[in-house]
Amino acid sequence: MASFTLTDLSNKSGEVIEAAFNGPVDITKHGKRKFVLLTADQFDRLNGIQAQRAFRPDELTVEERAFFLQGLDAIAHEGDPSDD
């Protein structure tokens, strides 16, 4: 695991970030590990969070499309005085 100091984080941020793309990076202060820098994907995997997938409208089922449009319609008419 790569290791950098807090000073390195300030002075060599590009190098620290590049190292984080290859795996977790220890950030130390006075020789003691204080932080671990991860990519968002690494963090999500660690926490068992599945990545959200974006869908194109033409990939939705008829039911999913109707549900989505109902939600958009509800948001569009929130606080609309003509609905009273």
N, C-alpha and C. Protein backbone atom coordinates (compact mmCIF):
# COMPACT_ATOMS: atom_id res chain seq x y z
N MET A 1 0.86 -1.17 0.00
CA MET A 1 0.00 0.00 0.00
C MET A 1 0.90 1.23 0.00
N ALA A 2 0.58 2.18 -0.86
CA ALA A 2 1.33 3.43 -0.92
C ALA A 2 1.08 4.23 0.35
N SER A 3 2.05 5.03 0.72
CA SER A 3 1.94 5.84 1.93
C SER A 3 2.51 7.22 1.66
N PHE A 4 1.79 8.24 2.09
CA PHE A 4 2.22 9.62 1.95
C PHE A 4 1.95 10.35 3.25
N THR A 5 2.66 11.44 3.47
CA THR A 5 2.41 12.27 4.65
C THR A 5 1.35 13.31 4.30
N LEU A 6 0.82 13.96 5.34
CA LEU A 6 -0.12 15.06 5.10
C LEU A 6 0.54 16.16 4.28
N THR A 7 1.83 16.41 4.52
CA THR A 7 2.55 17.41 3.74
C THR A 7 2.61 17.00 2.27
N ASP A 8 2.87 15.69 2.03
CA ASP A 8 2.86 15.18 0.66
C ASP A 8 1.50 15.43 0.00
N LEU A 9 0.45 15.24 0.76
CA LEU A 9 -0.89 15.43 0.22
C LEU A 9 -1.06 16.85 -0.29
N SER A 10 -0.49 17.81 0.41
CA SER A 10 -0.54 19.21 -0.03
C SER A 10 0.40 19.48 -1.19
N ASN A 11 1.61 18.96 -1.10
CA ASN A 11 2.65 19.31 -2.08
C ASN A 11 2.67 18.41 -3.31
N LYS A 12 2.17 17.20 -3.19
CA LYS A 12 2.22 16.23 -4.29
C LYS A 12 0.85 15.63 -4.53
N SER A 13 -0.18 16.45 -4.50
CA SER A 13 -1.55 15.92 -4.57
C SER A 13 -1.79 15.07 -5.81
N GLY A 14 -1.23 15.46 -6.94
CA GLY A 14 -1.41 14.67 -8.16
C GLY A 14 -0.83 13.28 -8.03
N GLU A 15 0.34 13.18 -7.42
CA GLU A 15 0.98 11.88 -7.22
C GLU A 15 0.19 11.01 -6.24
N VAL A 16 -0.34 11.65 -5.19
CA VAL A 16 -1.13 10.92 -4.20
C VAL A 16 -2.40 10.38 -4.84
N ILE A 17 -3.07 11.21 -5.61
CA ILE A 17 -4.32 10.79 -6.27
C ILE A 17 -4.04 9.68 -7.29
N GLU A 18 -2.97 9.83 -8.03
CA GLU A 18 -2.60 8.79 -9.01
C GLU A 18 -2.37 7.46 -8.30
N ALA A 19 -1.70 7.49 -7.16
CA ALA A 19 -1.46 6.26 -6.38
C ALA A 19 -2.78 5.65 -5.92
N ALA A 20 -3.77 6.49 -5.59
CA ALA A 20 -5.06 6.00 -5.10
C ALA A 20 -5.82 5.24 -6.19
N PHE A 21 -5.55 5.55 -7.46
CA PHE A 21 -6.19 4.80 -8.54
C PHE A 21 -5.72 3.35 -8.57
N ASN A 22 -4.55 3.10 -8.00
CA ASN A 22 -4.00 1.74 -7.97
C ASN A 22 -4.33 0.98 -6.71
N GLY A 23 -4.92 1.65 -5.73
CA GLY A 23 -5.29 0.99 -4.47
C GLY A 23 -5.31 2.00 -3.34
N PRO A 24 -5.74 1.58 -2.16
CA PRO A 24 -5.80 2.49 -1.02
C PRO A 24 -4.44 3.10 -0.71
N VAL A 25 -4.46 4.34 -0.22
CA VAL A 25 -3.24 5.08 0.11
C VAL A 25 -3.30 5.52 1.56
N ASP A 26 -2.29 5.16 2.33
CA ASP A 26 -2.19 5.65 3.71
C ASP A 26 -1.73 7.10 3.70
N ILE A 27 -2.36 7.92 4.53
CA ILE A 27 -1.93 9.29 4.75
C ILE A 27 -1.50 9.36 6.21
N THR A 28 -0.24 9.73 6.43
CA THR A 28 0.31 9.70 7.79
C THR A 28 0.60 11.11 8.31
N LYS A 29 0.63 11.20 9.63
CA LYS A 29 1.02 12.43 10.32
C LYS A 29 1.93 12.00 11.47
N HIS A 30 3.12 12.55 11.49
CA HIS A 30 4.11 12.18 12.51
C HIS A 30 4.34 10.67 12.55
N GLY A 31 4.35 10.05 11.35
CA GLY A 31 4.64 8.63 11.26
C GLY A 31 3.48 7.70 11.59
N LYS A 32 2.34 8.26 11.95
CA LYS A 32 1.18 7.44 12.29
C LYS A 32 0.10 7.60 11.22
N ARG A 33 -0.50 6.47 10.85
CA ARG A 33 -1.57 6.50 9.85
C ARG A 33 -2.78 7.23 10.41
N LYS A 34 -3.22 8.26 9.69
CA LYS A 34 -4.38 9.05 10.11
C LYS A 34 -5.58 8.89 9.18
N PHE A 35 -5.31 8.71 7.89
CA PHE A 35 -6.37 8.60 6.89
C PHE A 35 -6.00 7.54 5.87
N VAL A 36 -7.02 7.06 5.17
CA VAL A 36 -6.80 6.17 4.02
C VAL A 36 -7.60 6.76 2.87
N LEU A 37 -6.92 7.02 1.77
CA LEU A 37 -7.56 7.59 0.59
C LEU A 37 -7.94 6.47 -0.36
N LEU A 38 -9.21 6.46 -0.78
CA LEU A 38 -9.74 5.44 -1.70
C LEU A 38 -10.47 6.12 -2.84
N THR A 39 -10.58 5.42 -3.96
CA THR A 39 -11.49 5.90 -4.99
C THR A 39 -12.92 5.62 -4.52
N ALA A 40 -13.88 6.27 -5.13
CA ALA A 40 -15.28 6.04 -4.77
C ALA A 40 -15.67 4.59 -5.02
N ASP A 41 -15.19 4.01 -6.12
CA ASP A 41 -15.49 2.60 -6.43
C ASP A 41 -14.92 1.67 -5.37
N GLN A 42 -13.69 1.94 -4.92
CA GLN A 42 -13.08 1.12 -3.88
C GLN A 42 -13.89 1.21 -2.59
N PHE A 43 -14.31 2.41 -2.25
CA PHE A 43 -15.10 2.62 -1.03
C PHE A 43 -16.42 1.88 -1.12
N ASP A 44 -17.10 2.00 -2.27
CA ASP A 44 -18.40 1.32 -2.45
C ASP A 44 -18.25 -0.19 -2.34
N ARG A 45 -17.21 -0.76 -2.96
CA ARG A 45 -17.00 -2.20 -2.86
C ARG A 45 -16.75 -2.61 -1.42
N LEU A 46 -15.97 -1.82 -0.70
CA LEU A 46 -15.67 -2.10 0.70
C LEU A 46 -16.94 -2.13 1.54
N ASN A 47 -17.88 -1.26 1.22
CA ASN A 47 -19.12 -1.16 1.98
C ASN A 47 -20.26 -1.96 1.37
N GLY A 48 -19.99 -2.73 0.34
CA GLY A 48 -21.02 -3.56 -0.27
C GLY A 48 -22.07 -2.77 -1.00
N ILE A 49 -21.72 -1.58 -1.43
CA ILE A 49 -22.68 -0.74 -2.16
C ILE A 49 -22.55 -1.06 -3.64
N GLN A 50 -23.67 -1.38 -4.25
CA GLN A 50 -23.64 -1.65 -5.68
C GLN A 50 -23.72 -0.33 -6.44
N ALA A 51 -22.93 -0.25 -7.48
CA ALA A 51 -22.94 0.96 -8.30
C ALA A 51 -24.31 1.12 -8.94
N GLN A 52 -24.77 2.34 -9.00
CA GLN A 52 -26.05 2.61 -9.65
C GLN A 52 -25.82 2.68 -11.16
N ARG A 53 -26.74 2.14 -11.88
CA ARG A 53 -26.63 2.14 -13.33
C ARG A 53 -27.64 3.11 -13.90
N ALA A 54 -27.22 3.86 -14.87
CA ALA A 54 -28.12 4.78 -15.57
C ALA A 54 -28.76 4.02 -16.73
N PHE A 55 -30.02 4.33 -17.01
CA PHE A 55 -30.74 3.69 -18.09
C PHE A 55 -31.14 4.72 -19.13
N ARG A 56 -31.13 4.29 -20.36
CA ARG A 56 -31.66 5.13 -21.43
C ARG A 56 -33.18 4.91 -21.45
N PRO A 57 -33.93 5.94 -21.82
CA PRO A 57 -35.40 5.79 -21.84
C PRO A 57 -35.87 4.61 -22.69
N ASP A 58 -35.18 4.34 -23.79
CA ASP A 58 -35.62 3.24 -24.64
C ASP A 58 -35.30 1.86 -24.06
N GLU A 59 -34.58 1.81 -22.93
CA GLU A 59 -34.29 0.55 -22.25
C GLU A 59 -35.33 0.22 -21.18
N LEU A 60 -36.20 1.17 -20.86
CA LEU A 60 -37.20 0.96 -19.81
C LEU A 60 -38.38 0.17 -20.33
N THR A 61 -38.99 -0.60 -19.42
CA THR A 61 -40.24 -1.27 -19.78
C THR A 61 -41.35 -0.23 -19.80
N VAL A 62 -42.49 -0.60 -20.34
CA VAL A 62 -43.64 0.31 -20.38
C VAL A 62 -44.02 0.72 -18.97
N GLU A 63 -44.02 -0.24 -18.03
CA GLU A 63 -44.39 0.05 -16.65
C GLU A 63 -43.38 0.99 -15.99
N GLU A 64 -42.09 0.74 -16.23
CA GLU A 64 -41.05 1.61 -15.65
C GLU A 64 -41.15 3.02 -16.20
N ARG A 65 -41.41 3.14 -17.50
CA ARG A 65 -41.54 4.45 -18.13
C ARG A 65 -42.75 5.20 -17.55
N ALA A 66 -43.87 4.51 -17.36
CA ALA A 66 -45.06 5.14 -16.80
C ALA A 66 -44.80 5.60 -15.36
N PHE A 67 -44.14 4.77 -14.58
CA PHE A 67 -43.81 5.11 -13.19
C PHE A 67 -42.91 6.35 -13.15
N PHE A 68 -41.91 6.36 -14.01
CA PHE A 68 -40.98 7.48 -14.08
C PHE A 68 -41.72 8.78 -14.46
N LEU A 69 -42.57 8.70 -15.47
CA LEU A 69 -43.31 9.88 -15.91
C LEU A 69 -44.28 10.39 -14.85
N GLN A 70 -44.90 9.48 -14.09
CA GLN A 70 -45.78 9.89 -12.99
C GLN A 70 -44.98 10.68 -11.96
N GLY A 71 -43.78 10.21 -11.64
CA GLY A 71 -42.94 10.90 -10.67
C GLY A 71 -42.54 12.27 -11.16
N LEU A 72 -42.16 12.36 -12.43
CA LEU A 72 -41.81 13.67 -12.99
C LEU A 72 -43.00 14.62 -12.98
N ASP A 73 -44.16 14.09 -13.31
CA ASP A 73 -45.37 14.91 -13.32
C ASP A 73 -45.69 15.42 -11.92
N ALA A 74 -45.53 14.57 -10.90
CA ALA A 74 -45.78 14.97 -9.53
C ALA A 74 -44.82 16.07 -9.10
N ILE A 75 -43.56 15.95 -9.49
CA ILE A 75 -42.56 16.96 -9.13
C ILE A 75 -42.88 18.26 -9.85
N ALA A 76 -43.26 18.19 -11.12
CA ALA A 76 -43.54 19.38 -11.92
C ALA A 76 -44.73 20.15 -11.36
N HIS A 77 -45.69 19.45 -10.73
CA HIS A 77 -46.90 20.11 -10.25
C HIS A 77 -46.86 20.39 -8.75
N GLU A 78 -45.73 20.11 -8.08
CA GLU A 78 -45.61 20.41 -6.66
C GLU A 78 -45.77 21.91 -6.44
N GLY A 79 -46.68 22.27 -5.60
CA GLY A 79 -46.88 23.67 -5.28
C GLY A 79 -47.53 24.47 -6.40
N ASP A 80 -48.05 23.80 -7.42
CA ASP A 80 -48.71 24.47 -8.54
C ASP A 80 -50.09 24.92 -8.06
N PRO A 81 -50.36 26.25 -8.01
CA PRO A 81 -51.66 26.74 -7.53
C PRO A 81 -52.84 26.25 -8.37
N SER A 82 -52.62 25.89 -9.62
CA SER A 82 -53.74 25.42 -10.45
C SER A 82 -54.21 24.03 -10.04
N ASP A 83 -53.44 23.34 -9.19
CA ASP A 83 -53.83 22.00 -8.73
C ASP A 83 -54.80 22.07 -7.54
N ASP A 84 -54.96 23.25 -6.96
CA ASP A 84 -55.84 23.38 -5.77
C ASP A 84 -57.29 23.42 -6.13
